[in-house]
Amino acid sequence: MKSFPFNLILLFVVLLVSTAWEPATKDQFIGTFRLIKATTNSQPNPSQTMDRLMTFTEENSFAGDINIPSKGNMPFNQGIYIVENEKQILMHHSDPNTKELYPIAFVYNYSFSGDTLRLNGFYFRQAMEIPNIMQKFFIDECWMRNK
């Protein structure tokens, strides 16, 4: 019976230390990132679509801007995000006019290397040629923390 209190204390210490080692994944996202490299369906994104910023807030919202040479700076996307775990983030986009969430959300794989964030995965968009059909797009993007 003497070992029970010791084992209980040892278990408490192990739990305390192991939870302290967990990465603060949400904190890694908070801030503004600049797009530095992107492909869609394994093809490099056009250069006129590369001047983009994405800001993640503590309140789980995100907002992206794009600077198009002929049109200037404009909103690109927005919504809410949830860091699912140390490898996946859920991004639920919203309508830029009404701010209502779209009926679909996307889960992307992510990784950090220093100040570089890599996102990859699939998103769907309505096909322009065929109404009510969704097209699947694979993205692979690298974002650098904007200082």
C-alpha atoms as a PDB file:
ATOM      1  CA  MET A   1       0.000   0.000   0.000  1.00  0.00           C
ATOM      2  CA  LYS A   2       2.934   2.334   0.480  1.00  0.00           C
ATOM      3  CA  SER A   3       3.542   2.376  -3.268  1.00  0.00           C
ATOM      4  CA  PHE A   4       0.036   3.629  -4.110  1.00  0.00           C
ATOM      5  CA  PRO A   5       0.676   7.281  -3.046  1.00  0.00           C
ATOM      6  CA  PHE A   6       4.055   7.178  -4.780  1.00  0.00           C
ATOM      7  CA  ASN A   7       2.489   5.804  -7.999  1.00  0.00           C
ATOM      8  CA  LEU A   8      -0.265   8.404  -7.830  1.00  0.00           C
ATOM      9  CA  ILE A   9       2.284  11.219  -7.458  1.00  0.00           C
ATOM     10  CA  LEU A  10       4.386   9.732 -10.261  1.00  0.00           C
ATOM     11  CA  LEU A  11       1.328   9.533 -12.532  1.00  0.00           C
ATOM     12  CA  PHE A  12       0.498  13.177 -11.759  1.00  0.00           C
ATOM     13  CA  VAL A  13       4.064  14.271 -12.585  1.00  0.00           C
ATOM     14  CA  VAL A  14       4.045  12.304 -15.881  1.00  0.00           C
ATOM     15  CA  LEU A  15       0.710  13.848 -16.894  1.00  0.00           C
ATOM     16  CA  LEU A  16       1.909  17.317 -15.968  1.00  0.00           C
ATOM     17  CA  VAL A  17       5.157  16.978 -17.922  1.00  0.00           C
ATOM     18  CA  SER A  18       3.554  15.340 -20.961  1.00  0.00           C
ATOM     19  CA  THR A  19       0.901  18.056 -21.294  1.00  0.00           C
ATOM     20  CA  ALA A  20       3.592  20.717 -20.976  1.00  0.00           C
ATOM     21  CA  TRP A  21       5.363  19.186 -24.004  1.00  0.00           C
ATOM     22  CA  GLU A  22       2.281  19.477 -26.226  1.00  0.00           C
ATOM     23  CA  PRO A  23       2.804  22.088 -28.909  1.00  0.00           C
ATOM     24  CA  ALA A  24       0.671  25.225 -28.642  1.00  0.00           C
ATOM     25  CA  THR A  25      -0.661  24.648 -32.155  1.00  0.00           C
ATOM     26  CA  LYS A  26      -3.259  27.426 -32.225  1.00  0.00           C
ATOM     27  CA  ASP A  27      -0.693  29.969 -31.049  1.00  0.00           C
ATOM     28  CA  GLN A  28       1.501  29.121 -34.035  1.00  0.00           C
ATOM     29  CA  PHE A  29      -1.205  30.355 -36.402  1.00  0.00           C
ATOM     30  CA  ILE A  30      -1.989  33.682 -34.763  1.00  0.00           C
ATOM     31  CA  GLY A  31      -0.616  36.487 -36.899  1.00  0.00           C
ATOM     32  CA  THR A  32      -0.293  37.452 -40.546  1.00  0.00           C
ATOM     33  CA  PHE A  33       1.347  35.333 -43.235  1.00  0.00           C
ATOM     34  CA  ARG A  34       2.445  36.199 -46.790  1.00  0.00           C
ATOM     35  CA  LEU A  35       2.075  33.622 -49.566  1.00  0.00           C
ATOM     36  CA  ILE A  36       5.493  32.712 -50.965  1.00  0.00           C
ATOM     37  CA  LYS A  37       4.774  29.609 -53.054  1.00  0.00           C
ATOM     38  CA  ALA A  38       1.588  27.924 -54.244  1.00  0.00           C
ATOM     39  CA  THR A  39       0.378  25.244 -56.606  1.00  0.00           C
ATOM     40  CA  THR A  40      -3.144  24.209 -57.504  1.00  0.00           C
ATOM     41  CA  ASN A  41      -3.591  20.750 -58.987  1.00  0.00           C
ATOM     42  CA  SER A  42       0.226  20.501 -59.169  1.00  0.00           C
ATOM     43  CA  GLN A  43       0.469  23.606 -61.392  1.00  0.00           C
ATOM     44  CA  PRO A  44       2.136  26.822 -60.138  1.00  0.00           C
ATOM     45  CA  ASN A  45      -0.373  29.537 -59.360  1.00  0.00           C
ATOM     46  CA  PRO A  46      -0.340  32.481 -61.798  1.00  0.00           C
ATOM     47  CA  SER A  47       1.987  35.253 -60.626  1.00  0.00           C
ATOM     48  CA  GLN A  48      -0.884  37.790 -60.483  1.00  0.00           C
ATOM     49  CA  THR A  49      -2.543  35.678 -57.747  1.00  0.00           C
ATOM     50  CA  MET A  50       0.534  35.347 -55.533  1.00  0.00           C
ATOM     51  CA  ASP A  51       0.478  38.690 -53.680  1.00  0.00           C
ATOM     52  CA  ARG A  52      -1.705  37.456 -50.810  1.00  0.00           C
ATOM     53  CA  LEU A  53      -1.837  37.871 -47.044  1.00  0.00           C
ATOM     54  CA  MET A  54      -3.690  35.685 -44.546  1.00  0.00           C
ATOM     55  CA  THR A  55      -4.362  36.761 -40.960  1.00  0.00           C
ATOM     56  CA  PHE A  56      -5.382  34.349 -38.205  1.00  0.00           C
ATOM     57  CA  THR A  57      -6.801  35.802 -34.967  1.00  0.00           C
ATOM     58  CA  GLU A  58      -7.071  34.490 -31.412  1.00  0.00           C
ATOM     59  CA  GLU A  59     -10.864  34.464 -31.882  1.00  0.00           C
ATOM     60  CA  ASN A  60     -10.533  31.683 -34.483  1.00  0.00           C
ATOM     61  CA  SER A  61     -11.247  33.886 -37.488  1.00  0.00           C
ATOM     62  CA  PHE A  62      -9.141  34.263 -40.591  1.00  0.00           C
ATOM     63  CA  ALA A  63      -9.161  36.819 -43.392  1.00  0.00           C
ATOM     64  CA  GLY A  64      -7.171  36.887 -46.586  1.00  0.00           C
ATOM     65  CA  ASP A  65      -6.383  39.740 -48.944  1.00  0.00           C
ATOM     66  CA  ILE A  66      -5.042  39.664 -52.475  1.00  0.00           C
ATOM     67  CA  ASN A  67      -3.308  42.453 -54.351  1.00  0.00           C
ATOM     68  CA  ILE A  68      -4.068  42.213 -58.081  1.00  0.00           C
ATOM     69  CA  PRO A  69      -1.979  44.664 -60.138  1.00  0.00           C
ATOM     70  CA  SER A  70      -4.890  45.883 -62.274  1.00  0.00           C
ATOM     71  CA  LYS A  71      -7.447  46.017 -59.421  1.00  0.00           C
ATOM     72  CA  GLY A  72      -5.501  46.768 -56.235  1.00  0.00           C
ATOM     73  CA  ASN A  73      -5.963  45.215 -52.805  1.00  0.00           C
ATOM     74  CA  MET A  74      -9.200  43.311 -52.156  1.00  0.00           C
ATOM     75  CA  PRO A  75     -10.564  40.635 -49.812  1.00  0.00           C
ATOM     76  CA  PHE A  76      -9.750  37.117 -50.977  1.00  0.00           C
ATOM     77  CA  ASN A  77     -11.346  34.821 -48.406  1.00  0.00           C
ATOM     78  CA  GLN A  78     -12.480  34.788 -44.801  1.00  0.00           C
ATOM     79  CA  GLY A  79     -14.125  32.622 -42.194  1.00  0.00           C
ATOM     80  CA  ILE A  80     -13.338  30.693 -39.048  1.00  0.00           C
ATOM     81  CA  TYR A  81     -10.673  28.093 -38.348  1.00  0.00           C
ATOM     82  CA  ILE A  82     -10.220  25.291 -35.866  1.00  0.00           C
ATOM     83  CA  VAL A  83      -6.866  23.642 -35.250  1.00  0.00           C
ATOM     84  CA  GLU A  84      -7.982  20.013 -35.164  1.00  0.00           C
ATOM     85  CA  ASN A  85      -4.664  18.563 -34.013  1.00  0.00           C
ATOM     86  CA  GLU A  86      -0.926  18.946 -34.615  1.00  0.00           C
ATOM     87  CA  LYS A  87      -1.373  18.135 -38.326  1.00  0.00           C
ATOM     88  CA  GLN A  88      -4.799  19.360 -39.470  1.00  0.00           C
ATOM     89  CA  ILE A  89      -6.708  22.619 -39.544  1.00  0.00           C
ATOM     90  CA  LEU A  90     -10.374  23.051 -40.455  1.00  0.00           C
ATOM     91  CA  MET A  91     -11.152  26.224 -42.411  1.00  0.00           C
ATOM     92  CA  HIS A  92     -14.806  27.175 -42.738  1.00  0.00           C
ATOM     93  CA  HIS A  93     -15.143  29.989 -45.262  1.00  0.00           C
ATOM     94  CA  SER A  94     -17.873  32.610 -45.194  1.00  0.00           C
ATOM     95  CA  ASP A  95     -19.628  34.742 -47.776  1.00  0.00           C
ATOM     96  CA  PRO A  96     -17.770  38.074 -48.114  1.00  0.00           C
ATOM     97  CA  ASN A  97     -21.027  40.053 -48.317  1.00  0.00           C
ATOM     98  CA  THR A  98     -23.293  38.389 -45.751  1.00  0.00           C
ATOM     99  CA  LYS A  99     -20.560  36.879 -43.501  1.00  0.00           C
ATOM    100  CA  GLU A 100     -22.658  33.673 -43.369  1.00  0.00           C
ATOM    101  CA  LEU A 101     -20.663  30.456 -43.315  1.00  0.00           C
ATOM    102  CA  TYR A 102     -20.796  28.354 -46.464  1.00  0.00           C
ATOM    103  CA  PRO A 103     -22.389  24.906 -46.033  1.00  0.00           C
ATOM    104  CA  ILE A 104     -19.012  23.204 -46.541  1.00  0.00           C
ATOM    105  CA  ALA A 105     -15.693  23.395 -44.700  1.00  0.00           C
ATOM    106  CA  PHE A 106     -12.251  22.143 -45.655  1.00  0.00           C
ATOM    107  CA  VAL A 107      -9.643  20.248 -43.655  1.00  0.00           C
ATOM    108  CA  TYR A 108      -6.045  20.922 -44.639  1.00  0.00           C
ATOM    109  CA  ASN A 109      -2.818  19.320 -43.507  1.00  0.00           C
ATOM    110  CA  TYR A 110      -0.368  21.818 -42.086  1.00  0.00           C
ATOM    111  CA  SER A 111       3.180  21.966 -40.837  1.00  0.00           C
ATOM    112  CA  PHE A 112       5.469  24.662 -39.508  1.00  0.00           C
ATOM    113  CA  SER A 113       9.164  25.043 -40.140  1.00  0.00           C
ATOM    114  CA  GLY A 114      10.273  28.121 -38.228  1.00  0.00           C
ATOM    115  CA  ASP A 115       8.159  31.011 -39.565  1.00  0.00           C
ATOM    116  CA  THR A 116       6.990  29.069 -42.626  1.00  0.00           C
ATOM    117  CA  LEU A 117       3.512  27.530 -42.689  1.00  0.00           C
ATOM    118  CA  ARG A 118       2.695  24.881 -45.262  1.00  0.00           C
ATOM    119  CA  LEU A 119      -0.939  24.066 -46.073  1.00  0.00           C
ATOM    120  CA  ASN A 120      -2.022  21.287 -48.400  1.00  0.00           C
ATOM    121  CA  GLY A 121      -5.218  19.470 -49.129  1.00  0.00           C
ATOM    122  CA  PHE A 122      -8.379  19.705 -51.176  1.00  0.00           C
ATOM    123  CA  TYR A 123     -11.097  22.273 -51.559  1.00  0.00           C
ATOM    124  CA  PHE A 124     -14.197  22.240 -53.708  1.00  0.00           C
ATOM    125  CA  ARG A 125     -15.743  25.003 -55.794  1.00  0.00           C
ATOM    126  CA  GLN A 126     -18.792  25.110 -58.006  1.00  0.00           C
ATOM    127  CA  ALA A 127     -17.884  24.327 -61.606  1.00  0.00           C
ATOM    128  CA  MET A 128     -18.343  27.397 -63.795  1.00  0.00           C
ATOM    129  CA  GLU A 129     -19.364  25.331 -66.821  1.00  0.00           C
ATOM    130  CA  ILE A 130     -21.849  23.053 -65.046  1.00  0.00           C
ATOM    131  CA  PRO A 131     -24.136  24.423 -62.323  1.00  0.00           C
ATOM    132  CA  ASN A 132     -24.630  22.251 -59.221  1.00  0.00           C
ATOM    133  CA  ILE A 133     -21.397  20.331 -59.858  1.00  0.00           C
ATOM    134  CA  MET A 134     -18.454  20.755 -57.517  1.00  0.00           C
ATOM    135  CA  GLN A 135     -14.859  20.682 -58.775  1.00  0.00           C
ATOM    136  CA  LYS A 136     -12.063  19.376 -56.563  1.00  0.00           C
ATOM    137  CA  PHE A 137      -8.808  21.349 -56.312  1.00  0.00           C
ATOM    138  CA  PHE A 138      -5.616  20.226 -54.578  1.00  0.00           C
ATOM    139  CA  ILE A 139      -3.570  23.041 -53.053  1.00  0.00           C
ATOM    140  CA  ASP A 140      -0.038  23.093 -51.762  1.00  0.00           C
ATOM    141  CA  GLU A 141       0.863  26.481 -50.303  1.00  0.00           C
ATOM    142  CA  CYS A 142       3.789  27.926 -48.353  1.00  0.00           C
ATOM    143  CA  TRP A 143       3.232  31.036 -46.246  1.00  0.00           C
ATOM    144  CA  MET A 144       5.905  33.077 -44.434  1.00  0.00           C
ATOM    145  CA  ARG A 145       5.064  34.885 -41.199  1.00  0.00           C
ATOM    146  CA  ASN A 146       4.845  38.613 -42.044  1.00  0.00           C
ATOM    147  CA  LYS A 147       7.055  40.622 -39.706  1.00  0.00           C
END
